[in-house]
Amino acid sequence: MAGHSKWNNIKRKKGAVDAKRGKLFTKLSREIQVASRLGGGDPAGNPRLRLAIQTARAQSMPMDNIERAIKKGTGDLEGKELRELVYEGYGPGGVAYMLEVTTDNPTRTLNEVRNAFEKSGGSFAKSGAVAFQFEKRGMLRFSADRHSEDDVTLAAAEAGAEDVVTEDEDVVVYTEVAQFHAVQEALEAAGYAPERAELTMIPSATVRCDEREAAANLKLWDRLDDNDDVANIWANLEVDPEVWARLQGAD
């Protein structure tokens, strides 16, 4: 029976990993579809699509999936019309949340997101209540094992970047949104290929949470992230490294 029980646990874990990968592919596919609809199906002339494809390939998304999403976006294949929306809310302890959603049913998505906040002890907020606490920026991450901060800083300055910092053992370049793709292309041409490249929301200030509040916010984050319609989540949560390690170990 012990062996049978162990096998069931392995199957459950594999199923959970497969489910998460399936959800990730759904979200990546939707971004590719929207990018193709707005800017055309040629990544050479569509920076948003080019970035979406790069992100999808970095997650090992099959090319067949990518090509199918492009064709849905351009109308070569039938697909549901997707809308992009921004939702805002507060989590436990007053943590501010910004969400980007991509949905074919805004009413359904609104209700699901609202319920996620309320079930987690937070609250859904009206448009503009949270947005002023965040600023949109381009972000390029480079492995510090492969590139020195001094080298990246020099190349980034020449490319027109705003700032370069070290975060979590990565060298991170920040840019204005309008300069994001130009800076990325200039750095790649100079031999600096980022591990990650994306548009992100930077909070102007963070909310420091104790362990109980942090755990509640992680549950809220998971509820939101489990929703296929939620494309991106940002929060101004701050947690001590020791508390974060305990919470991660509890998973």
Protein backbone atom coordinates (compact mmCIF):
# COMPACT_ATOMS: atom_id res chain seq x y z
CA MET A 1 0.00 0.00 0.00
CA ALA A 2 2.88 2.35 0.66
CA GLY A 3 4.04 2.00 -2.92
CA HIS A 4 0.53 2.59 -4.22
CA SER A 5 0.18 5.68 -2.05
CA LYS A 6 3.54 7.02 -3.24
CA TRP A 7 2.53 6.50 -6.87
CA ASN A 8 -0.72 8.40 -6.28
CA ASN A 9 1.27 11.28 -4.80
CA ILE A 10 3.59 11.33 -7.81
CA LYS A 11 0.60 11.37 -10.17
CA ARG A 12 -1.02 14.20 -8.24
CA LYS A 13 2.20 16.24 -8.34
CA LYS A 14 2.62 15.60 -12.06
CA GLY A 15 -1.00 16.56 -12.62
CA ALA A 16 -0.49 19.80 -10.71
CA VAL A 17 2.61 20.64 -12.76
CA ASP A 18 0.81 19.82 -16.02
CA ALA A 19 -2.18 21.94 -14.97
CA LYS A 20 0.05 24.92 -14.16
CA ARG A 21 1.86 24.54 -17.50
CA GLY A 22 -1.49 24.34 -19.29
CA LYS A 23 -2.67 27.54 -17.58
CA LEU A 24 0.61 29.27 -18.44
CA PHE A 25 0.30 28.27 -22.10
CA THR A 26 -3.28 29.58 -22.14
CA LYS A 27 -2.13 32.97 -20.86
CA LEU A 28 0.82 33.13 -23.24
CA SER A 29 -1.41 32.15 -26.16
CA ARG A 30 -3.86 34.92 -25.33
CA GLU A 31 -1.09 37.54 -25.25
CA ILE A 32 0.16 36.35 -28.65
CA GLN A 33 -3.38 36.46 -30.01
CA VAL A 34 -4.02 40.02 -28.78
CA ALA A 35 -0.60 41.23 -29.99
CA SER A 36 -1.28 39.76 -33.43
CA ARG A 37 -4.74 41.34 -33.61
CA LEU A 38 -3.43 44.80 -32.68
CA GLY A 39 -0.15 44.86 -34.60
CA GLY A 40 -0.28 42.14 -37.23
CA GLY A 41 1.17 38.65 -37.40
CA ASP A 42 4.74 39.53 -38.42
CA PRO A 43 6.97 39.75 -35.31
CA ALA A 44 9.59 41.70 -37.28
CA GLY A 45 7.20 44.64 -37.48
CA ASN A 46 5.31 44.02 -34.23
CA PRO A 47 7.48 44.49 -31.10
CA ARG A 48 4.73 43.34 -28.73
CA LEU A 49 4.27 40.11 -30.68
CA ARG A 50 8.03 39.59 -30.84
CA LEU A 51 8.25 39.90 -27.04
CA ALA A 52 5.26 37.57 -26.56
CA ILE A 53 6.87 34.93 -28.75
CA GLN A 54 10.19 35.27 -26.91
CA THR A 55 8.41 34.80 -23.59
CA ALA A 56 6.48 31.78 -24.88
CA ARG A 57 9.60 30.12 -26.28
CA ALA A 58 11.43 30.72 -22.99
CA GLN A 59 8.65 28.66 -21.35
CA SER A 60 9.05 25.87 -23.95
CA MET A 61 5.71 26.58 -25.59
CA PRO A 62 5.51 24.55 -28.85
CA MET A 63 5.73 26.48 -32.11
CA ASP A 64 2.45 24.91 -33.26
CA ASN A 65 0.69 26.61 -30.34
CA ILE A 66 2.38 29.92 -31.11
CA GLU A 67 1.49 29.82 -34.80
CA ARG A 68 -2.11 28.88 -34.02
CA ALA A 69 -2.43 31.82 -31.61
CA ILE A 70 -1.04 34.20 -34.25
CA LYS A 71 -3.56 32.96 -36.82
CA LYS A 72 -6.41 33.42 -34.35
CA GLY A 73 -5.25 36.98 -33.73
CA THR A 74 -5.00 37.83 -37.42
CA GLY A 75 -8.33 36.16 -38.19
CA ASP A 76 -6.87 33.32 -40.26
CA LEU A 77 -8.35 30.92 -37.70
CA GLU A 78 -11.61 31.34 -35.82
CA GLY A 79 -11.21 32.47 -32.23
CA LYS A 80 -13.07 34.32 -29.51
CA GLU A 81 -12.71 38.09 -29.34
CA LEU A 82 -10.50 39.00 -26.39
CA ARG A 83 -10.60 42.25 -24.43
CA GLU A 84 -7.79 43.67 -22.29
CA LEU A 85 -8.81 45.22 -18.97
CA VAL A 86 -7.12 46.46 -15.80
CA TYR A 87 -8.53 45.65 -12.35
CA GLU A 88 -7.41 47.03 -9.01
CA GLY A 89 -7.83 45.93 -5.41
CA TYR A 90 -6.47 45.69 -1.90
CA GLY A 91 -5.26 42.53 -0.19
CA PRO A 92 -4.94 41.76 3.53
CA GLY A 93 -2.94 44.41 5.40
CA GLY A 94 -3.74 47.07 2.79
CA VAL A 95 -1.47 45.63 0.08
CA ALA A 96 -2.25 47.26 -3.29
CA TYR A 97 -2.83 45.04 -6.35
CA MET A 98 -2.84 45.79 -10.06
CA LEU A 99 -4.14 43.14 -12.47
CA GLU A 100 -4.06 42.93 -16.25
CA VAL A 101 -6.72 40.57 -17.60
CA THR A 102 -7.46 39.23 -21.06
CA THR A 103 -10.99 37.91 -21.35
CA ASP A 104 -13.78 37.01 -23.74
CA ASN A 105 -16.34 37.55 -20.94
CA PRO A 106 -15.66 40.67 -18.81
CA THR A 107 -18.68 40.09 -16.55
CA ARG A 108 -17.53 36.59 -15.63
CA THR A 109 -13.96 37.71 -15.04
CA LEU A 110 -15.01 40.70 -12.94
CA ASN A 111 -17.11 38.49 -10.67
CA GLU A 112 -14.35 35.91 -10.31
CA VAL A 113 -11.70 38.51 -9.47
CA ARG A 114 -14.00 40.28 -7.02
CA ASN A 115 -14.74 36.96 -5.28
CA ALA A 116 -11.02 36.15 -5.05
CA PHE A 117 -10.36 39.42 -3.21
CA GLU A 118 -13.31 39.03 -0.87
CA LYS A 119 -12.59 35.37 -0.01
CA SER A 120 -9.02 36.33 0.88
CA GLY A 121 -9.97 39.18 3.21
CA GLY A 122 -9.28 41.89 0.66
CA SER A 123 -11.48 44.17 -1.39
CA PHE A 124 -12.04 45.00 -5.05
CA ALA A 125 -11.33 48.67 -5.82
CA LYS A 126 -12.70 51.12 -8.35
CA SER A 127 -10.58 52.18 -11.30
CA GLY A 128 -7.82 54.60 -10.28
CA ALA A 129 -7.89 53.76 -6.58
CA VAL A 130 -4.62 51.83 -6.79
CA ALA A 131 -3.06 52.73 -10.15
CA PHE A 132 -1.43 55.94 -8.88
CA GLN A 133 0.76 53.81 -6.59
CA PHE A 134 2.46 52.08 -9.55
CA GLU A 135 4.51 53.20 -12.53
CA LYS A 136 4.89 51.16 -15.72
CA ARG A 137 8.47 50.41 -16.78
CA GLY A 138 10.36 48.14 -19.12
CA MET A 139 12.48 45.53 -17.35
CA LEU A 140 15.37 43.42 -18.70
CA ARG A 141 16.98 40.81 -16.45
CA PHE A 142 20.50 39.49 -16.97
CA SER A 143 22.20 36.69 -15.08
CA ALA A 144 24.99 38.07 -12.90
CA ASP A 145 26.85 34.81 -13.53
CA ARG A 146 27.07 35.65 -17.21
CA HIS A 147 27.35 39.45 -17.20
CA SER A 148 28.95 41.89 -14.78
CA GLU A 149 26.92 44.84 -13.54
CA ASP A 150 29.58 47.28 -14.78
CA ASP A 151 29.48 45.88 -18.33
CA VAL A 152 25.67 45.85 -18.47
CA THR A 153 25.49 49.35 -16.98
CA LEU A 154 27.79 50.76 -19.64
CA ALA A 155 25.93 49.04 -22.48
CA ALA A 156 22.55 50.04 -21.02
CA ALA A 157 23.58 53.69 -20.69
CA GLU A 158 24.65 53.75 -24.32
CA ALA A 159 21.32 52.13 -25.28
CA GLY A 160 19.27 54.79 -23.45
CA ALA A 161 18.17 52.86 -20.36
CA GLU A 162 16.98 54.63 -17.21
CA ASP A 163 18.61 52.61 -14.44
CA VAL A 164 20.59 49.44 -13.69
CA VAL A 165 20.43 47.65 -10.32
CA THR A 166 21.26 44.26 -8.82
CA GLU A 167 18.22 42.30 -7.62
CA ASP A 168 18.12 38.66 -6.48
CA GLU A 169 21.56 38.01 -7.97
CA ASP A 170 20.41 39.38 -11.36
CA VAL A 171 21.49 42.56 -13.12
CA VAL A 172 18.26 44.40 -13.93
CA VAL A 173 17.87 47.18 -16.49
CA TYR A 174 14.87 49.50 -16.28
CA THR A 175 13.64 51.61 -19.17
CA GLU A 176 10.87 53.98 -20.10
CA VAL A 177 8.00 52.11 -21.75
CA ALA A 178 8.49 53.93 -25.05
CA GLN A 179 12.20 52.98 -25.12
CA PHE A 180 11.82 49.37 -23.98
CA HIS A 181 12.08 47.60 -27.33
CA ALA A 182 14.81 49.93 -28.62
CA VAL A 183 16.93 49.34 -25.49
CA GLN A 184 16.40 45.58 -25.71
CA GLU A 185 17.43 45.48 -29.36
CA ALA A 186 20.51 47.63 -28.70
CA LEU A 187 21.63 45.42 -25.80
CA GLU A 188 21.09 42.24 -27.79
CA ALA A 189 23.08 43.70 -30.69
CA ALA A 190 25.89 44.44 -28.21
CA GLY A 191 25.90 40.80 -27.07
CA TYR A 192 23.72 41.09 -23.97
CA ALA A 193 20.70 38.78 -24.31
CA PRO A 194 18.32 39.12 -21.33
CA GLU A 195 17.05 36.13 -19.37
CA ARG A 196 13.70 37.92 -19.13
CA ALA A 197 12.26 40.95 -20.88
CA GLU A 198 8.88 42.41 -19.94
CA LEU A 199 6.83 45.46 -19.11
CA THR A 200 6.22 45.64 -15.39
CA MET A 201 4.61 47.86 -12.75
CA ILE A 202 6.91 49.35 -10.11
CA PRO A 203 5.27 50.42 -6.81
CA SER A 204 6.15 53.85 -5.49
CA ALA A 205 6.10 52.45 -1.93
CA THR A 206 5.73 49.01 -0.37
CA VAL A 207 3.52 47.67 2.43
CA ARG A 208 5.40 45.65 5.03
CA CYS A 209 3.42 42.62 6.21
CA ASP A 210 3.82 40.25 9.13
CA GLU A 211 3.72 36.48 8.59
CA ARG A 212 -0.03 36.16 8.94
CA GLU A 213 -0.75 38.96 6.46
CA ALA A 214 1.90 37.68 4.07
CA ALA A 215 0.38 34.17 4.11
CA ALA A 216 -3.07 35.62 3.40
CA ASN A 217 -1.70 37.66 0.50
CA LEU A 218 0.03 34.61 -0.97
CA LYS A 219 -3.31 32.78 -0.92
CA LEU A 220 -4.93 35.73 -2.69
CA TRP A 221 -2.12 35.78 -5.26
CA ASP A 222 -2.60 32.06 -5.92
CA ARG A 223 -6.37 32.49 -6.33
CA LEU A 224 -5.84 35.27 -8.86
CA ASP A 225 -3.06 33.45 -10.70
CA ASP A 226 -5.21 30.32 -11.03
CA ASN A 227 -7.64 32.33 -13.14
CA ASP A 228 -6.86 31.85 -16.85
CA ASP A 229 -8.12 35.38 -17.57
CA VAL A 230 -5.58 37.05 -15.26
CA ALA A 231 -2.52 37.76 -17.39
CA ASN A 232 -0.36 39.74 -14.94
CA ILE A 233 -0.40 40.51 -11.21
CA TRP A 234 1.57 43.18 -9.37
CA ALA A 235 1.46 44.01 -5.67
CA ASN A 236 3.39 46.32 -3.35
CA LEU A 237 3.86 43.59 -0.73
CA GLU A 238 7.09 43.56 1.30
CA VAL A 239 8.04 40.52 3.42
CA ASP A 240 11.15 39.81 5.49
CA PRO A 241 13.35 37.15 3.83
CA GLU A 242 13.08 34.90 6.92
CA VAL A 243 9.28 35.05 6.82
CA TRP A 244 9.27 34.43 3.07
CA ALA A 245 11.49 31.34 3.52
CA ARG A 246 9.13 29.91 6.16
CA LEU A 247 6.08 30.49 3.96
CA GLN A 248 7.77 28.88 0.97
CA GLY A 249 8.77 25.92 3.11
CA ALA A 250 5.15 25.46 4.16
CA ASP A 251 4.04 24.76 0.58
